[in-house]
């Protein structure tokens, strides 16, 4: 049996983009995953489990299947029906890269079952084209901490594995926020002072991950380009941002476009104590998830 005739298993991590100053350029893979086992079938079908199972299992307006069929249509290849066994751990609409994981899954499935035989660079470039920005896509595919840039020839990506002993809590509010809505809040132009402020901090942020300097995050995760404009739509950020100066917080920023907030804990901080403090500041309805830095996507023939 040819490789394309066999099933395919995909495991893709959640991601947190921007990390404060790295707007549309920086991403971090998190230890929550979208796992799919796909096989050729007589008709499209999804057997979903996990978080937001009903939405993930819908055949209409399904980003994975829509991407899969669109990529093959763009390549003038008929889309073979698939049966997907899907388990999702990534919160939808929470700034955790659920769309990037779904798009990458669709592109990878199209490459395999449509016999496109695309390599990693082509899969990532196509997913970036669909997503519109590379930060989540790069981190989801390569894992760890990534810095990416769109070029005339595709996407240039540098990745660092991160530090497994860095502890994080992801704080989530009950109501999701669409990325399109969050982007609409941003201005078209910025002051020179604000651009310089962010450039200095994104350099510091990259150095912090490169050299394991956790203490740099307190300054390195500050931002003036997107968080101030999204606060009204992300009330959790307004409640938690004042905690950024606390000694038990190493760094704090909106996760992606929000509304979730990612909090790095300072060395020696108790996870339980940090959760208690975050709940007290966030108020009712907050969900906290302990996360670590994840590796990249995994593709396995079945």
C-alpha atoms as a PDB file:
ATOM      1  CA  UNK A   1       0.000   0.000   0.000  1.00  0.00           C
ATOM      2  CA  UNK A   2       1.334   3.445  -0.882  1.00  0.00           C
ATOM      3  CA  UNK A   3       2.011   5.968   1.848  1.00  0.00           C
ATOM      4  CA  UNK A   4      -0.892   8.102   0.608  1.00  0.00           C
ATOM      5  CA  UNK A   5      -3.258   5.136   0.841  1.00  0.00           C
ATOM      6  CA  UNK A   6      -2.497   4.723   4.526  1.00  0.00           C
ATOM      7  CA  UNK A   7      -4.074   6.654   7.360  1.00  0.00           C
ATOM      8  CA  UNK A   8      -2.368   9.622   8.957  1.00  0.00           C
ATOM      9  CA  UNK A   9      -2.071  10.662  12.583  1.00  0.00           C
ATOM     10  CA  UNK A  10      -1.437  14.330  13.397  1.00  0.00           C
ATOM     11  CA  UNK A  11      -0.675  15.849  16.781  1.00  0.00           C
ATOM     12  CA  UNK A  12      -0.475  19.644  16.848  1.00  0.00           C
ATOM     13  CA  UNK A  13       0.145  21.880  19.889  1.00  0.00           C
ATOM     14  CA  UNK A  14      -1.695  24.962  21.035  1.00  0.00           C
ATOM     15  CA  UNK A  15       0.225  28.205  20.678  1.00  0.00           C
ATOM     16  CA  UNK A  16       0.439  31.605  22.307  1.00  0.00           C
ATOM     17  CA  UNK A  17       1.466  34.333  19.886  1.00  0.00           C
ATOM     18  CA  UNK A  18       2.874  37.825  20.406  1.00  0.00           C
ATOM     19  CA  UNK A  19       3.950  37.228  24.029  1.00  0.00           C
ATOM     20  CA  UNK A  20       3.570  40.946  24.549  1.00  0.00           C
ATOM     21  CA  UNK A  21       5.793  42.866  22.101  1.00  0.00           C
ATOM     22  CA  UNK A  22       6.246  40.236  19.361  1.00  0.00           C
ATOM     23  CA  UNK A  23       3.119  41.138  17.405  1.00  0.00           C
ATOM     24  CA  UNK A  24       2.647  38.822  14.391  1.00  0.00           C
ATOM     25  CA  UNK A  25       6.253  37.620  14.763  1.00  0.00           C
ATOM     26  CA  UNK A  26       6.709  35.570  17.959  1.00  0.00           C
ATOM     27  CA  UNK A  27       4.972  32.372  19.060  1.00  0.00           C
ATOM     28  CA  UNK A  28       5.255  29.739  21.763  1.00  0.00           C
ATOM     29  CA  UNK A  29       3.959  26.149  21.578  1.00  0.00           C
ATOM     30  CA  UNK A  30       1.932  25.052  24.613  1.00  0.00           C
ATOM     31  CA  UNK A  31       1.186  21.620  26.043  1.00  0.00           C
ATOM     32  CA  UNK A  32      -2.416  21.352  24.857  1.00  0.00           C
ATOM     33  CA  UNK A  33      -2.933  19.427  21.629  1.00  0.00           C
ATOM     34  CA  UNK A  34      -5.204  18.706  18.696  1.00  0.00           C
ATOM     35  CA  UNK A  35      -4.876  15.023  17.787  1.00  0.00           C
ATOM     36  CA  UNK A  36      -6.360  13.576  14.590  1.00  0.00           C
ATOM     37  CA  UNK A  37      -6.395  10.077  13.138  1.00  0.00           C
ATOM     38  CA  UNK A  38      -7.547  10.245   9.515  1.00  0.00           C
ATOM     39  CA  UNK A  39      -8.478   7.441   7.117  1.00  0.00           C
ATOM     40  CA  UNK A  40     -10.020   7.360   3.621  1.00  0.00           C
ATOM     41  CA  UNK A  41     -13.788   6.836   3.814  1.00  0.00           C
ATOM     42  CA  UNK A  42     -16.911   6.633   1.676  1.00  0.00           C
ATOM     43  CA  UNK A  43     -18.114   9.976   3.073  1.00  0.00           C
ATOM     44  CA  UNK A  44     -16.777  12.695   5.343  1.00  0.00           C
ATOM     45  CA  UNK A  45     -17.292  11.949   9.039  1.00  0.00           C
ATOM     46  CA  UNK A  46     -15.795  13.156  12.331  1.00  0.00           C
ATOM     47  CA  UNK A  47     -15.779  11.340  15.675  1.00  0.00           C
ATOM     48  CA  UNK A  48     -14.875  14.115  18.160  1.00  0.00           C
ATOM     49  CA  UNK A  49     -13.844  13.989  21.812  1.00  0.00           C
ATOM     50  CA  UNK A  50     -12.358  16.522  24.190  1.00  0.00           C
ATOM     51  CA  UNK A  51     -12.869  20.250  24.450  1.00  0.00           C
ATOM     52  CA  UNK A  52     -15.615  21.861  22.316  1.00  0.00           C
ATOM     53  CA  UNK A  53     -16.352  18.440  20.821  1.00  0.00           C
ATOM     54  CA  UNK A  54     -19.650  19.488  19.236  1.00  0.00           C
ATOM     55  CA  UNK A  55     -18.032  22.352  17.327  1.00  0.00           C
ATOM     56  CA  UNK A  56     -15.024  20.254  16.332  1.00  0.00           C
ATOM     57  CA  UNK A  57     -17.295  17.483  15.067  1.00  0.00           C
ATOM     58  CA  UNK A  58     -19.498  19.638  12.834  1.00  0.00           C
ATOM     59  CA  UNK A  59     -19.067  18.939   9.126  1.00  0.00           C
ATOM     60  CA  UNK A  60     -20.235  22.412   8.070  1.00  0.00           C
ATOM     61  CA  UNK A  61     -17.988  25.419   8.742  1.00  0.00           C
ATOM     62  CA  UNK A  62     -15.264  23.078   9.919  1.00  0.00           C
ATOM     63  CA  UNK A  63     -11.904  24.795   9.481  1.00  0.00           C
ATOM     64  CA  UNK A  64      -9.992  21.525   9.129  1.00  0.00           C
ATOM     65  CA  UNK A  65     -12.220  20.142   6.378  1.00  0.00           C
ATOM     66  CA  UNK A  66     -12.703  23.525   4.710  1.00  0.00           C
ATOM     67  CA  UNK A  67      -8.921  23.970   4.527  1.00  0.00           C
ATOM     68  CA  UNK A  68      -8.434  20.403   3.290  1.00  0.00           C
ATOM     69  CA  UNK A  69     -10.917  20.780   0.422  1.00  0.00           C
ATOM     70  CA  UNK A  70      -9.804  24.325  -0.465  1.00  0.00           C
ATOM     71  CA  UNK A  71      -6.133  23.352  -0.710  1.00  0.00           C
ATOM     72  CA  UNK A  72      -6.947  20.417  -2.984  1.00  0.00           C
ATOM     73  CA  UNK A  73      -9.320  22.503  -5.083  1.00  0.00           C
ATOM     74  CA  UNK A  74      -6.581  25.121  -5.463  1.00  0.00           C
ATOM     75  CA  UNK A  75      -4.284  22.298  -6.616  1.00  0.00           C
ATOM     76  CA  UNK A  76      -6.964  20.939  -9.022  1.00  0.00           C
ATOM     77  CA  UNK A  77      -7.126  17.654  -7.115  1.00  0.00           C
ATOM     78  CA  UNK A  78     -10.403  15.961  -6.047  1.00  0.00           C
ATOM     79  CA  UNK A  79     -10.750  15.765  -2.271  1.00  0.00           C
ATOM     80  CA  UNK A  80     -11.047  12.136  -1.094  1.00  0.00           C
ATOM     81  CA  UNK A  81     -13.609  11.813   1.731  1.00  0.00           C
ATOM     82  CA  UNK A  82     -12.060  11.183   5.141  1.00  0.00           C
ATOM     83  CA  UNK A  83     -13.072   9.798   8.497  1.00  0.00           C
ATOM     84  CA  UNK A  84     -11.451  11.786  11.300  1.00  0.00           C
ATOM     85  CA  UNK A  85     -11.079  10.561  14.846  1.00  0.00           C
ATOM     86  CA  UNK A  86     -10.400  13.857  16.603  1.00  0.00           C
ATOM     87  CA  UNK A  87      -9.439  14.711  20.169  1.00  0.00           C
ATOM     88  CA  UNK A  88      -9.122  18.395  21.018  1.00  0.00           C
ATOM     89  CA  UNK A  89      -7.538  20.048  24.052  1.00  0.00           C
ATOM     90  CA  UNK A  90      -7.138  23.546  22.570  1.00  0.00           C
ATOM     91  CA  UNK A  91      -9.708  26.171  23.656  1.00  0.00           C
ATOM     92  CA  UNK A  92     -11.487  27.733  20.681  1.00  0.00           C
ATOM     93  CA  UNK A  93     -11.542  31.512  20.316  1.00  0.00           C
ATOM     94  CA  UNK A  94      -9.269  32.034  23.315  1.00  0.00           C
ATOM     95  CA  UNK A  95      -6.036  33.190  21.672  1.00  0.00           C
ATOM     96  CA  UNK A  96      -4.452  29.741  21.898  1.00  0.00           C
ATOM     97  CA  UNK A  97      -3.850  29.083  18.211  1.00  0.00           C
ATOM     98  CA  UNK A  98      -6.811  26.791  17.555  1.00  0.00           C
ATOM     99  CA  UNK A  99      -7.199  28.142  14.011  1.00  0.00           C
ATOM    100  CA  UNK A 100      -3.503  27.648  13.210  1.00  0.00           C
ATOM    101  CA  UNK A 101      -3.662  24.035  14.411  1.00  0.00           C
ATOM    102  CA  UNK A 102      -6.811  23.412  12.363  1.00  0.00           C
ATOM    103  CA  UNK A 103      -5.368  25.029   9.229  1.00  0.00           C
ATOM    104  CA  UNK A 104      -2.100  23.118   9.505  1.00  0.00           C
ATOM    105  CA  UNK A 105      -4.083  19.910   9.983  1.00  0.00           C
ATOM    106  CA  UNK A 106      -6.109  20.639   6.847  1.00  0.00           C
ATOM    107  CA  UNK A 107      -3.009  21.424   4.782  1.00  0.00           C
ATOM    108  CA  UNK A 108      -1.142  18.340   6.026  1.00  0.00           C
ATOM    109  CA  UNK A 109      -4.152  16.116   5.303  1.00  0.00           C
ATOM    110  CA  UNK A 110      -4.451  17.600   1.806  1.00  0.00           C
ATOM    111  CA  UNK A 111      -0.773  16.999   1.121  1.00  0.00           C
ATOM    112  CA  UNK A 112      -1.028  13.370   2.235  1.00  0.00           C
ATOM    113  CA  UNK A 113      -4.387  12.208   0.903  1.00  0.00           C
ATOM    114  CA  UNK A 114      -4.249  14.404  -2.193  1.00  0.00           C
ATOM    115  CA  UNK A 115      -0.780  13.022  -3.022  1.00  0.00           C
ATOM    116  CA  UNK A 116       0.701  16.505  -3.203  1.00  0.00           C
ATOM    117  CA  UNK A 117       3.777  15.310  -1.320  1.00  0.00           C
ATOM    118  CA  UNK A 118       4.533  18.743   0.087  1.00  0.00           C
ATOM    119  CA  UNK A 119       7.519  19.157   2.349  1.00  0.00           C
ATOM    120  CA  UNK A 120       7.535  21.047   5.622  1.00  0.00           C
ATOM    121  CA  UNK A 121       8.367  24.418   4.048  1.00  0.00           C
ATOM    122  CA  UNK A 122       5.444  24.213   1.620  1.00  0.00           C
ATOM    123  CA  UNK A 123       2.980  23.090   4.298  1.00  0.00           C
ATOM    124  CA  UNK A 124       3.989  25.936   6.601  1.00  0.00           C
ATOM    125  CA  UNK A 125       3.961  28.497   3.769  1.00  0.00           C
ATOM    126  CA  UNK A 126       0.480  27.420   2.644  1.00  0.00           C
ATOM    127  CA  UNK A 127      -0.872  27.508   6.189  1.00  0.00           C
ATOM    128  CA  UNK A 128       0.652  30.956   6.674  1.00  0.00           C
ATOM    129  CA  UNK A 129      -0.990  32.181   3.467  1.00  0.00           C
ATOM    130  CA  UNK A 130      -4.377  30.990   4.723  1.00  0.00           C
ATOM    131  CA  UNK A 131      -3.885  32.231   8.297  1.00  0.00           C
ATOM    132  CA  UNK A 132      -2.501  35.575   7.131  1.00  0.00           C
ATOM    133  CA  UNK A 133       0.354  35.737   9.641  1.00  0.00           C
ATOM    134  CA  UNK A 134       3.097  33.257  10.564  1.00  0.00           C
ATOM    135  CA  UNK A 135       3.449  33.456  14.350  1.00  0.00           C
ATOM    136  CA  UNK A 136       0.995  30.747  15.461  1.00  0.00           C
ATOM    137  CA  UNK A 137       1.656  28.559  12.420  1.00  0.00           C
ATOM    138  CA  UNK A 138       5.420  28.551  12.984  1.00  0.00           C
ATOM    139  CA  UNK A 139       5.152  27.726  16.680  1.00  0.00           C
ATOM    140  CA  UNK A 140       2.527  25.045  16.068  1.00  0.00           C
ATOM    141  CA  UNK A 141       4.588  23.236  13.446  1.00  0.00           C
ATOM    142  CA  UNK A 142       8.080  23.616  14.888  1.00  0.00           C
ATOM    143  CA  UNK A 143       7.333  23.828  18.608  1.00  0.00           C
ATOM    144  CA  UNK A 144       9.152  25.767  21.300  1.00  0.00           C
ATOM    145  CA  UNK A 145       9.705  29.511  20.899  1.00  0.00           C
ATOM    146  CA  UNK A 146       9.656  30.752  17.312  1.00  0.00           C
ATOM    147  CA  UNK A 147      10.353  34.005  15.534  1.00  0.00           C
ATOM    148  CA  UNK A 148       9.041  34.213  11.972  1.00  0.00           C
ATOM    149  CA  UNK A 149       8.847  36.621   9.058  1.00  0.00           C
ATOM    150  CA  UNK A 150       7.019  36.525   5.741  1.00  0.00           C
ATOM    151  CA  UNK A 151       9.363  36.976   2.774  1.00  0.00           C
ATOM    152  CA  UNK A 152       8.815  37.059  -1.008  1.00  0.00           C
ATOM    153  CA  UNK A 153       9.890  33.413  -1.082  1.00  0.00           C
ATOM    154  CA  UNK A 154       7.793  32.126   1.808  1.00  0.00           C
ATOM    155  CA  UNK A 155       8.414  32.216   5.551  1.00  0.00           C
ATOM    156  CA  UNK A 156      11.729  32.451   7.396  1.00  0.00           C
ATOM    157  CA  UNK A 157      11.575  30.845  10.843  1.00  0.00           C
ATOM    158  CA  UNK A 158      14.006  30.558  13.738  1.00  0.00           C
ATOM    159  CA  UNK A 159      13.090  28.302  16.639  1.00  0.00           C
ATOM    160  CA  UNK A 160      14.384  27.721  20.148  1.00  0.00           C
ATOM    161  CA  UNK A 161      13.304  24.730  22.240  1.00  0.00           C
ATOM    162  CA  UNK A 162      12.427  26.797  25.300  1.00  0.00           C
ATOM    163  CA  UNK A 163      12.948  25.793  28.906  1.00  0.00           C
ATOM    164  CA  UNK A 164      10.978  22.910  30.342  1.00  0.00           C
ATOM    165  CA  UNK A 165      11.276  24.138  33.917  1.00  0.00           C
ATOM    166  CA  UNK A 166       9.496  27.438  33.210  1.00  0.00           C
ATOM    167  CA  UNK A 167       5.983  27.226  34.668  1.00  0.00           C
ATOM    168  CA  UNK A 168       2.964  29.007  33.208  1.00  0.00           C
ATOM    169  CA  UNK A 169      -0.705  29.448  33.940  1.00  0.00           C
ATOM    170  CA  UNK A 170      -3.185  30.249  31.199  1.00  0.00           C
ATOM    171  CA  UNK A 171      -6.139  32.289  32.458  1.00  0.00           C
ATOM    172  CA  UNK A 172      -9.286  32.082  30.331  1.00  0.00           C
ATOM    173  CA  UNK A 173     -12.549  34.006  30.542  1.00  0.00           C
ATOM    174  CA  UNK A 174     -15.841  32.289  29.632  1.00  0.00           C
ATOM    175  CA  UNK A 175     -16.585  34.326  26.493  1.00  0.00           C
ATOM    176  CA  UNK A 176     -14.338  33.826  23.417  1.00  0.00           C
ATOM    177  CA  UNK A 177     -13.083  36.578  21.127  1.00  0.00           C
ATOM    178  CA  UNK A 178     -12.756  36.231  17.372  1.00  0.00           C
ATOM    179  CA  UNK A 179      -9.323  37.145  16.020  1.00  0.00           C
ATOM    180  CA  UNK A 180     -10.936  39.246  13.291  1.00  0.00           C
ATOM    181  CA  UNK A 181     -12.732  41.301  15.943  1.00  0.00           C
ATOM    182  CA  UNK A 182      -9.535  41.720  17.960  1.00  0.00           C
ATOM    183  CA  UNK A 183      -7.594  42.876  14.889  1.00  0.00           C
ATOM    184  CA  UNK A 184     -10.245  45.443  14.055  1.00  0.00           C
ATOM    185  CA  UNK A 185      -9.454  47.225  17.317  1.00  0.00           C
ATOM    186  CA  UNK A 186      -5.893  48.068  16.270  1.00  0.00           C
ATOM    187  CA  UNK A 187      -4.831  51.412  14.756  1.00  0.00           C
ATOM    188  CA  UNK A 188      -3.335  51.743  11.285  1.00  0.00           C
ATOM    189  CA  UNK A 189      -0.318  53.729  12.465  1.00  0.00           C
ATOM    190  CA  UNK A 190       1.867  53.917  15.564  1.00  0.00           C
ATOM    191  CA  UNK A 191       4.194  56.491  17.051  1.00  0.00           C
ATOM    192  CA  UNK A 192       7.941  56.161  16.654  1.00  0.00           C
ATOM    193  CA  UNK A 193       8.282  55.950  20.446  1.00  0.00           C
ATOM    194  CA  UNK A 194       5.887  52.983  20.664  1.00  0.00           C
ATOM    195  CA  UNK A 195       7.618  51.115  17.840  1.00  0.00           C
ATOM    196  CA  UNK A 196      11.021  51.604  19.492  1.00  0.00           C
ATOM    197  CA  UNK A 197       9.568  50.473  22.835  1.00  0.00           C
ATOM    198  CA  UNK A 198       8.415  47.198  21.285  1.00  0.00           C
ATOM    199  CA  UNK A 199      11.558  46.618  19.232  1.00  0.00           C
ATOM    200  CA  UNK A 200      13.685  46.872  22.356  1.00  0.00           C
ATOM    201  CA  UNK A 201      11.491  44.397  24.212  1.00  0.00           C
ATOM    202  CA  UNK A 202      11.116  41.827  21.458  1.00  0.00           C
ATOM    203  CA  UNK A 203      14.905  41.661  21.241  1.00  0.00           C
ATOM    204  CA  UNK A 204      15.047  41.179  24.995  1.00  0.00           C
ATOM    205  CA  UNK A 205      12.300  38.548  24.797  1.00  0.00           C
ATOM    206  CA  UNK A 206      14.245  36.516  22.236  1.00  0.00           C
ATOM    207  CA  UNK A 207      17.384  36.742  24.363  1.00  0.00           C
ATOM    208  CA  UNK A 208      15.436  35.588  27.422  1.00  0.00           C
ATOM    209  CA  UNK A 209      14.399  32.385  25.655  1.00  0.00           C
ATOM    210  CA  UNK A 210      17.769  31.883  24.005  1.00  0.00           C
ATOM    211  CA  UNK A 211      19.724  32.093  27.258  1.00  0.00           C
ATOM    212  CA  UNK A 212      17.131  30.935  29.790  1.00  0.00           C
ATOM    213  CA  UNK A 213      16.904  34.350  31.476  1.00  0.00           C
ATOM    214  CA  UNK A 214      13.459  34.079  33.071  1.00  0.00           C
ATOM    215  CA  UNK A 215      13.920  37.313  35.014  1.00  0.00           C
ATOM    216  CA  UNK A 216      14.048  39.301  31.749  1.00  0.00           C
ATOM    217  CA  UNK A 217      10.410  38.511  30.965  1.00  0.00           C
ATOM    218  CA  UNK A 218       9.031  41.126  33.356  1.00  0.00           C
ATOM    219  CA  UNK A 219      10.326  43.847  31.034  1.00  0.00           C
ATOM    220  CA  UNK A 220      10.474  41.795  27.835  1.00  0.00           C
ATOM    221  CA  UNK A 221       6.728  41.011  27.771  1.00  0.00           C
ATOM    222  CA  UNK A 222       5.620  44.643  27.916  1.00  0.00           C
ATOM    223  CA  UNK A 223       3.759  45.945  24.854  1.00  0.00           C
ATOM    224  CA  UNK A 224       2.377  49.134  23.328  1.00  0.00           C
ATOM    225  CA  UNK A 225       1.251  47.918  19.890  1.00  0.00           C
ATOM    226  CA  UNK A 226      -1.754  45.712  20.555  1.00  0.00           C
ATOM    227  CA  UNK A 227      -2.583  45.097  24.216  1.00  0.00           C
ATOM    228  CA  UNK A 228      -3.638  48.676  25.070  1.00  0.00           C
ATOM    229  CA  UNK A 229      -6.148  48.641  22.199  1.00  0.00           C
ATOM    230  CA  UNK A 230      -7.597  45.217  23.053  1.00  0.00           C
ATOM    231  CA  UNK A 231      -8.146  45.766  26.764  1.00  0.00           C
ATOM    232  CA  UNK A 232     -11.776  46.791  26.325  1.00  0.00           C
ATOM    233  CA  UNK A 233     -12.568  43.512  24.560  1.00  0.00           C
ATOM    234  CA  UNK A 234     -10.384  41.492  26.942  1.00  0.00           C
ATOM    235  CA  UNK A 235     -11.516  42.405  30.465  1.00  0.00           C
ATOM    236  CA  UNK A 236      -9.358  39.653  31.941  1.00  0.00           C
ATOM    237  CA  UNK A 237      -6.241  41.481  30.749  1.00  0.00           C
ATOM    238  CA  UNK A 238      -7.337  44.680  32.500  1.00  0.00           C
ATOM    239  CA  UNK A 239      -7.795  42.745  35.756  1.00  0.00           C
ATOM    240  CA  UNK A 240      -4.546  40.779  35.584  1.00  0.00           C
ATOM    241  CA  UNK A 241      -2.093  43.244  34.012  1.00  0.00           C
ATOM    242  CA  UNK A 242      -1.547  45.100  37.310  1.00  0.00           C
ATOM    243  CA  UNK A 243      -0.119  41.813  38.668  1.00  0.00           C
ATOM    244  CA  UNK A 244       2.806  42.012  36.220  1.00  0.00           C
ATOM    245  CA  UNK A 245       4.858  43.954  38.794  1.00  0.00           C
ATOM    246  CA  UNK A 246       4.327  41.362  41.532  1.00  0.00           C
ATOM    247  CA  UNK A 247       7.461  39.400  42.518  1.00  0.00           C
ATOM    248  CA  UNK A 248       5.761  36.023  41.928  1.00  0.00           C
ATOM    249  CA  UNK A 249       5.058  36.932  38.276  1.00  0.00           C
ATOM    250  CA  UNK A 250       7.968  36.549  35.848  1.00  0.00           C
ATOM    251  CA  UNK A 251       5.997  37.861  32.873  1.00  0.00           C
ATOM    252  CA  UNK A 252       2.402  38.404  31.800  1.00  0.00           C
ATOM    253  CA  UNK A 253       0.756  39.107  28.451  1.00  0.00           C
ATOM    254  CA  UNK A 254      -2.335  38.599  26.374  1.00  0.00           C
ATOM    255  CA  UNK A 255      -2.244  35.206  24.690  1.00  0.00           C
ATOM    256  CA  UNK A 256      -2.412  35.818  20.962  1.00  0.00           C
ATOM    257  CA  UNK A 257      -5.275  38.155  20.150  1.00  0.00           C
ATOM    258  CA  UNK A 258      -6.888  37.289  23.485  1.00  0.00           C
ATOM    259  CA  UNK A 259      -8.970  37.114  25.505  1.00  0.00           C
ATOM    260  CA  UNK A 260      -6.804  34.645  27.479  1.00  0.00           C
ATOM    261  CA  UNK A 261      -3.808  35.814  29.495  1.00  0.00           C
ATOM    262  CA  UNK A 262      -0.565  33.842  29.772  1.00  0.00           C
ATOM    263  CA  UNK A 263       1.330  34.198  33.039  1.00  0.00           C
ATOM    264  CA  UNK A 264       4.915  33.008  33.557  1.00  0.00           C
ATOM    265  CA  UNK A 265       5.634  32.242  37.205  1.00  0.00           C
ATOM    266  CA  UNK A 266       8.795  33.516  38.852  1.00  0.00           C
ATOM    267  CA  UNK A 267      11.286  30.922  40.018  1.00  0.00           C
ATOM    268  CA  UNK A 268      10.270  29.359  43.324  1.00  0.00           C
ATOM    269  CA  UNK A 269       6.617  30.398  43.031  1.00  0.00           C
ATOM    270  CA  UNK A 270       4.043  27.843  44.127  1.00  0.00           C
ATOM    271  CA  UNK A 271       1.591  26.960  41.372  1.00  0.00           C
ATOM    272  CA  UNK A 272      -1.193  26.708  43.933  1.00  0.00           C
ATOM    273  CA  UNK A 273      -0.426  30.115  45.447  1.00  0.00           C
ATOM    274  CA  UNK A 274      -0.228  31.701  42.010  1.00  0.00           C
ATOM    275  CA  UNK A 275      -3.597  30.194  41.035  1.00  0.00           C
ATOM    276  CA  UNK A 276      -5.183  31.540  44.213  1.00  0.00           C
ATOM    277  CA  UNK A 277      -3.860  35.025  43.519  1.00  0.00           C
ATOM    278  CA  UNK A 278      -4.969  34.939  39.886  1.00  0.00           C
ATOM    279  CA  UNK A 279      -8.487  33.807  40.799  1.00  0.00           C
ATOM    280  CA  UNK A 280      -8.773  36.580  43.369  1.00  0.00           C
ATOM    281  CA  UNK A 281      -7.767  39.205  40.797  1.00  0.00           C
ATOM    282  CA  UNK A 282      -9.735  37.763  37.869  1.00  0.00           C
ATOM    283  CA  UNK A 283     -13.068  37.290  39.615  1.00  0.00           C
ATOM    284  CA  UNK A 284     -15.764  34.725  38.953  1.00  0.00           C
ATOM    285  CA  UNK A 285     -15.739  32.543  35.866  1.00  0.00           C
ATOM    286  CA  UNK A 286     -11.997  32.420  35.213  1.00  0.00           C
ATOM    287  CA  UNK A 287     -10.558  29.076  34.146  1.00  0.00           C
ATOM    288  CA  UNK A 288      -6.900  28.367  34.877  1.00  0.00           C
ATOM    289  CA  UNK A 289      -4.816  25.822  32.993  1.00  0.00           C
ATOM    290  CA  UNK A 290      -1.238  24.918  33.861  1.00  0.00           C
ATOM    291  CA  UNK A 291       0.797  24.657  30.655  1.00  0.00           C
ATOM    292  CA  UNK A 292       4.362  24.027  29.607  1.00  0.00           C
ATOM    293  CA  UNK A 293       6.379  24.570  26.451  1.00  0.00           C
ATOM    294  CA  UNK A 294       5.547  21.932  23.839  1.00  0.00           C
ATOM    295  CA  UNK A 295       7.428  20.375  20.970  1.00  0.00           C
ATOM    296  CA  UNK A 296       6.243  20.682  17.399  1.00  0.00           C
ATOM    297  CA  UNK A 297       3.786  18.851  15.181  1.00  0.00           C
ATOM    298  CA  UNK A 298       3.971  15.099  14.810  1.00  0.00           C
ATOM    299  CA  UNK A 299       2.958  13.232  11.615  1.00  0.00           C
ATOM    300  CA  UNK A 300       2.732   9.455  11.731  1.00  0.00           C
ATOM    301  CA  UNK A 301       1.511   7.011   9.098  1.00  0.00           C
ATOM    302  CA  UNK A 302      -1.103   4.574  10.361  1.00  0.00           C
END
